[in-house]
């Protein structure tokens, strides 16, 4: 795929966004509903453990949960319970965007950038959520970790997104809010802009990222 914006610029910049906690304010609910879903099956999950699951894809999340709770832990069953709980909650409360999301996307489009999403969320659900908050129209491509062998923090989904966009990873910006997501982009060789959501980046991660900014409002200045 070649982005339409390439017609406007000889070398448009490419930015690939994470979804939850980066563009839409949903990451906080994963922390809540992972713990509630685990409790439904008799497991006590700490807040710290729930935070460690942010953007953690297969096979890493199932393996980590079995390490914590034993080999009998049914990842699919508990995950599906978490999804149902979270979906019901969001249907009641609605989805909010992160601060500056639309302003940043609008500016990036005006700059001629090619914009994509790389998320753990299945594509149809990601599109539905972006449509609900009025952001879908800004994106040239949406890819999901379900399309690749390994989820974050492996680089697979970001490398796949770069191939779809015909972009060189080292020239692409990745925008992330979680350590697992940021490490995926770092391992893909991308320039990572970290926008903390639930936690600040650890010192070791801070050495590997391109920039850390307080919100999406500062992103266009970083991309320039």
Protein backbone atom coordinates (compact mmCIF):
# COMPACT_ATOMS: atom_id res chain seq x y z
CA UNK A 1 0.00 0.00 0.00
CA UNK A 2 1.15 3.54 -0.79
CA UNK A 3 -0.42 6.27 1.29
CA UNK A 4 -2.42 8.85 -0.61
CA UNK A 5 -0.41 11.55 1.13
CA UNK A 6 2.64 10.52 -0.90
CA UNK A 7 1.09 12.46 -3.74
CA UNK A 8 1.55 15.62 -1.70
CA UNK A 9 5.14 15.09 -0.59
CA UNK A 10 8.19 13.29 -1.94
CA UNK A 11 8.95 11.84 1.49
CA UNK A 12 5.99 12.03 3.86
CA UNK A 13 6.66 11.17 7.47
CA UNK A 14 4.98 8.07 8.81
CA UNK A 15 3.55 7.80 12.32
CA UNK A 16 2.12 4.61 13.77
CA UNK A 17 0.00 4.90 16.90
CA UNK A 18 -0.91 2.43 19.59
CA UNK A 19 -4.64 2.63 20.35
CA UNK A 20 -5.59 1.97 23.98
CA UNK A 21 -4.12 4.52 26.35
CA UNK A 22 -2.52 6.44 23.47
CA UNK A 23 -5.44 7.61 21.32
CA UNK A 24 -8.43 6.50 23.39
CA UNK A 25 -8.65 6.62 27.17
CA UNK A 26 -9.32 2.92 27.75
CA UNK A 27 -6.06 1.55 29.16
CA UNK A 28 -7.19 2.32 32.72
CA UNK A 29 -10.11 -0.06 32.27
CA UNK A 30 -7.87 -2.98 31.37
CA UNK A 31 -6.31 -2.64 34.80
CA UNK A 32 -9.72 -2.71 36.46
CA UNK A 33 -11.34 -5.48 34.45
CA UNK A 34 -8.39 -7.86 34.30
CA UNK A 35 -8.54 -7.92 38.10
CA UNK A 36 -12.32 -8.33 38.17
CA UNK A 37 -12.27 -11.10 35.57
CA UNK A 38 -9.52 -12.95 37.44
CA UNK A 39 -11.55 -12.66 40.64
CA UNK A 40 -14.54 -14.23 38.87
CA UNK A 41 -12.45 -17.39 38.54
CA UNK A 42 -11.01 -17.30 42.04
CA UNK A 43 -7.71 -15.56 41.35
CA UNK A 44 -6.39 -12.50 43.18
CA UNK A 45 -4.55 -10.24 40.76
CA UNK A 46 -2.71 -7.23 42.12
CA UNK A 47 -2.81 -3.79 40.51
CA UNK A 48 0.87 -4.13 39.70
CA UNK A 49 0.25 -7.42 37.90
CA UNK A 50 -2.62 -5.91 35.94
CA UNK A 51 -0.34 -3.05 34.85
CA UNK A 52 2.24 -5.56 33.62
CA UNK A 53 -0.37 -6.94 31.21
CA UNK A 54 -0.70 -3.65 29.31
CA UNK A 55 -0.17 -4.27 25.60
CA UNK A 56 1.26 -7.70 26.41
CA UNK A 57 0.33 -10.00 23.55
CA UNK A 58 0.52 -13.69 22.88
CA UNK A 59 2.38 -15.84 23.72
CA UNK A 60 3.66 -13.64 26.53
CA UNK A 61 0.44 -12.85 28.41
CA UNK A 62 -0.78 -16.48 28.66
CA UNK A 63 2.67 -17.61 29.82
CA UNK A 64 2.95 -14.86 32.42
CA UNK A 65 -0.53 -15.54 33.83
CA UNK A 66 0.26 -19.25 34.16
CA UNK A 67 3.48 -18.31 35.93
CA UNK A 68 1.50 -16.22 38.41
CA UNK A 69 -1.53 -18.45 38.92
CA UNK A 70 -0.52 -21.94 37.82
CA UNK A 71 -0.79 -24.11 34.74
CA UNK A 72 -4.55 -24.50 35.21
CA UNK A 73 -5.15 -20.81 34.51
CA UNK A 74 -7.47 -20.60 31.49
CA UNK A 75 -6.25 -17.51 29.67
CA UNK A 76 -8.90 -17.53 26.95
CA UNK A 77 -11.77 -17.91 29.41
CA UNK A 78 -10.58 -15.16 31.74
CA UNK A 79 -9.65 -12.86 28.85
CA UNK A 80 -13.08 -13.28 27.28
CA UNK A 81 -14.68 -12.50 30.64
CA UNK A 82 -12.57 -9.34 30.87
CA UNK A 83 -13.58 -8.34 27.34
CA UNK A 84 -17.29 -8.76 28.08
CA UNK A 85 -17.06 -6.76 31.32
CA UNK A 86 -15.12 -3.97 29.66
CA UNK A 87 -17.39 -3.86 26.61
CA UNK A 88 -20.49 -3.57 28.83
CA UNK A 89 -18.86 -0.77 30.81
CA UNK A 90 -17.82 1.20 27.73
CA UNK A 91 -21.28 0.83 26.21
CA UNK A 92 -22.65 2.54 29.32
CA UNK A 93 -20.02 5.24 29.76
CA UNK A 94 -18.79 5.80 26.21
CA UNK A 95 -15.20 6.12 25.01
CA UNK A 96 -13.14 9.25 25.52
CA UNK A 97 -10.09 10.29 23.52
CA UNK A 98 -6.77 11.12 25.09
CA UNK A 99 -5.93 14.80 25.47
CA UNK A 100 -5.03 16.38 22.14
CA UNK A 101 -5.83 13.32 20.01
CA UNK A 102 -7.87 15.00 17.30
CA UNK A 103 -5.81 18.18 17.29
CA UNK A 104 -2.60 16.20 16.80
CA UNK A 105 -4.05 13.99 14.08
CA UNK A 106 -5.43 16.98 12.21
CA UNK A 107 -2.05 18.73 12.33
CA UNK A 108 -0.21 15.62 11.18
CA UNK A 109 -2.56 15.23 8.24
CA UNK A 110 -2.05 18.88 7.31
CA UNK A 111 1.71 18.19 7.42
CA UNK A 112 1.18 15.45 4.83
CA UNK A 113 2.00 12.58 7.18
CA UNK A 114 0.97 8.98 6.64
CA UNK A 115 -0.80 7.76 9.80
CA UNK A 116 -1.59 4.24 11.01
CA UNK A 117 -2.61 2.27 14.09
CA UNK A 118 -0.88 -0.87 15.38
CA UNK A 119 -2.89 -2.38 18.21
CA UNK A 120 -3.58 -5.58 20.11
CA UNK A 121 -7.29 -4.94 19.56
CA UNK A 122 -8.93 -6.87 16.70
CA UNK A 123 -9.24 -4.67 13.60
CA UNK A 124 -13.03 -4.43 13.44
CA UNK A 125 -13.27 -3.43 17.10
CA UNK A 126 -10.47 -0.90 16.66
CA UNK A 127 -12.25 0.64 13.68
CA UNK A 128 -15.52 0.70 15.58
CA UNK A 129 -13.95 2.48 18.55
CA UNK A 130 -12.14 5.00 16.36
CA UNK A 131 -15.37 5.68 14.48
CA UNK A 132 -17.22 6.24 17.75
CA UNK A 133 -14.80 8.98 18.77
CA UNK A 134 -14.57 10.51 15.28
CA UNK A 135 -10.94 9.62 14.57
CA UNK A 136 -11.17 6.82 12.02
CA UNK A 137 -11.02 9.20 9.05
CA UNK A 138 -7.46 10.22 9.89
CA UNK A 139 -5.88 6.79 9.36
CA UNK A 140 -4.34 5.33 6.24
CA UNK A 141 -3.99 1.84 7.72
CA UNK A 142 -5.01 -0.15 10.81
CA UNK A 143 -3.21 -3.36 11.75
CA UNK A 144 -3.69 -5.71 14.67
CA UNK A 145 -1.43 -8.09 16.57
CA UNK A 146 -3.91 -10.86 15.74
CA UNK A 147 -2.48 -10.68 12.20
CA UNK A 148 1.05 -11.60 13.28
CA UNK A 149 2.71 -14.47 15.13
CA UNK A 150 3.66 -12.59 18.30
CA UNK A 151 2.12 -9.62 20.07
CA UNK A 152 3.90 -6.79 21.84
CA UNK A 153 6.63 -6.53 23.19
CA UNK A 154 7.80 -8.48 20.12
CA UNK A 155 8.26 -6.16 17.11
CA UNK A 156 6.02 -8.19 14.77
CA UNK A 157 2.98 -5.90 14.60
CA UNK A 158 5.11 -2.80 14.00
CA UNK A 159 7.21 -4.48 11.33
CA UNK A 160 4.02 -5.70 9.67
CA UNK A 161 2.58 -2.17 9.75
CA UNK A 162 5.75 -0.80 8.15
CA UNK A 163 5.56 -3.39 5.37
CA UNK A 164 1.92 -2.49 4.72
CA UNK A 165 2.86 1.18 4.51
CA UNK A 166 6.02 0.49 2.47
CA UNK A 167 7.98 2.42 5.10
CA UNK A 168 11.48 1.89 6.50
CA UNK A 169 11.13 1.22 10.28
CA UNK A 170 14.11 3.41 11.16
CA UNK A 171 12.36 6.37 9.54
CA UNK A 172 8.99 5.79 11.23
CA UNK A 173 7.70 7.26 14.48
CA UNK A 174 5.81 4.99 16.89
CA UNK A 175 3.60 6.60 19.53
CA UNK A 176 3.09 4.49 22.66
CA UNK A 177 1.91 4.76 26.26
CA UNK A 178 3.04 1.43 27.76
CA UNK A 179 6.45 -0.19 28.29
CA UNK A 180 5.49 -3.37 26.40
CA UNK A 181 4.29 -1.38 23.43
CA UNK A 182 7.32 0.90 23.47
CA UNK A 183 9.69 -2.08 23.57
CA UNK A 184 7.94 -3.58 20.55
CA UNK A 185 8.63 -0.42 18.56
CA UNK A 186 12.19 -0.12 19.87
CA UNK A 187 12.89 -3.70 18.77
CA UNK A 188 11.45 -2.86 15.35
CA UNK A 189 14.06 -0.11 15.09
CA UNK A 190 11.57 2.76 15.15
CA UNK A 191 11.70 6.21 16.72
CA UNK A 192 9.51 5.87 19.80
CA UNK A 193 7.59 8.78 21.26
CA UNK A 194 6.37 7.76 24.72
CA UNK A 195 3.31 9.42 26.26
CA UNK A 196 2.88 8.03 29.79
CA UNK A 197 -0.59 6.87 30.73
CA UNK A 198 -0.60 4.62 33.81
CA UNK A 199 3.14 4.75 34.56
CA UNK A 200 6.29 6.61 33.61
CA UNK A 201 8.93 4.78 31.53
CA UNK A 202 11.60 2.89 33.47
CA UNK A 203 15.15 4.35 33.29
CA UNK A 204 16.35 1.61 30.91
CA UNK A 205 13.45 2.22 28.51
CA UNK A 206 13.98 5.98 28.73
CA UNK A 207 17.47 5.48 27.25
CA UNK A 208 16.01 3.76 24.19
CA UNK A 209 13.11 6.00 23.24
CA UNK A 210 13.24 9.04 20.97
CA UNK A 211 11.19 11.34 23.23
CA UNK A 212 8.83 11.37 26.19
CA UNK A 213 6.08 13.99 26.12
CA UNK A 214 3.12 14.75 28.41
CA UNK A 215 0.37 14.55 25.81
CA UNK A 216 -0.44 14.25 22.11
CA UNK A 217 -0.58 18.04 21.89
CA UNK A 218 3.22 18.15 21.73
CA UNK A 219 3.53 15.40 19.11
CA UNK A 220 3.46 17.49 15.89
CA UNK A 221 6.42 19.55 17.17
CA UNK A 222 8.36 16.34 17.81
CA UNK A 223 7.60 15.04 14.30
CA UNK A 224 8.67 18.26 12.53
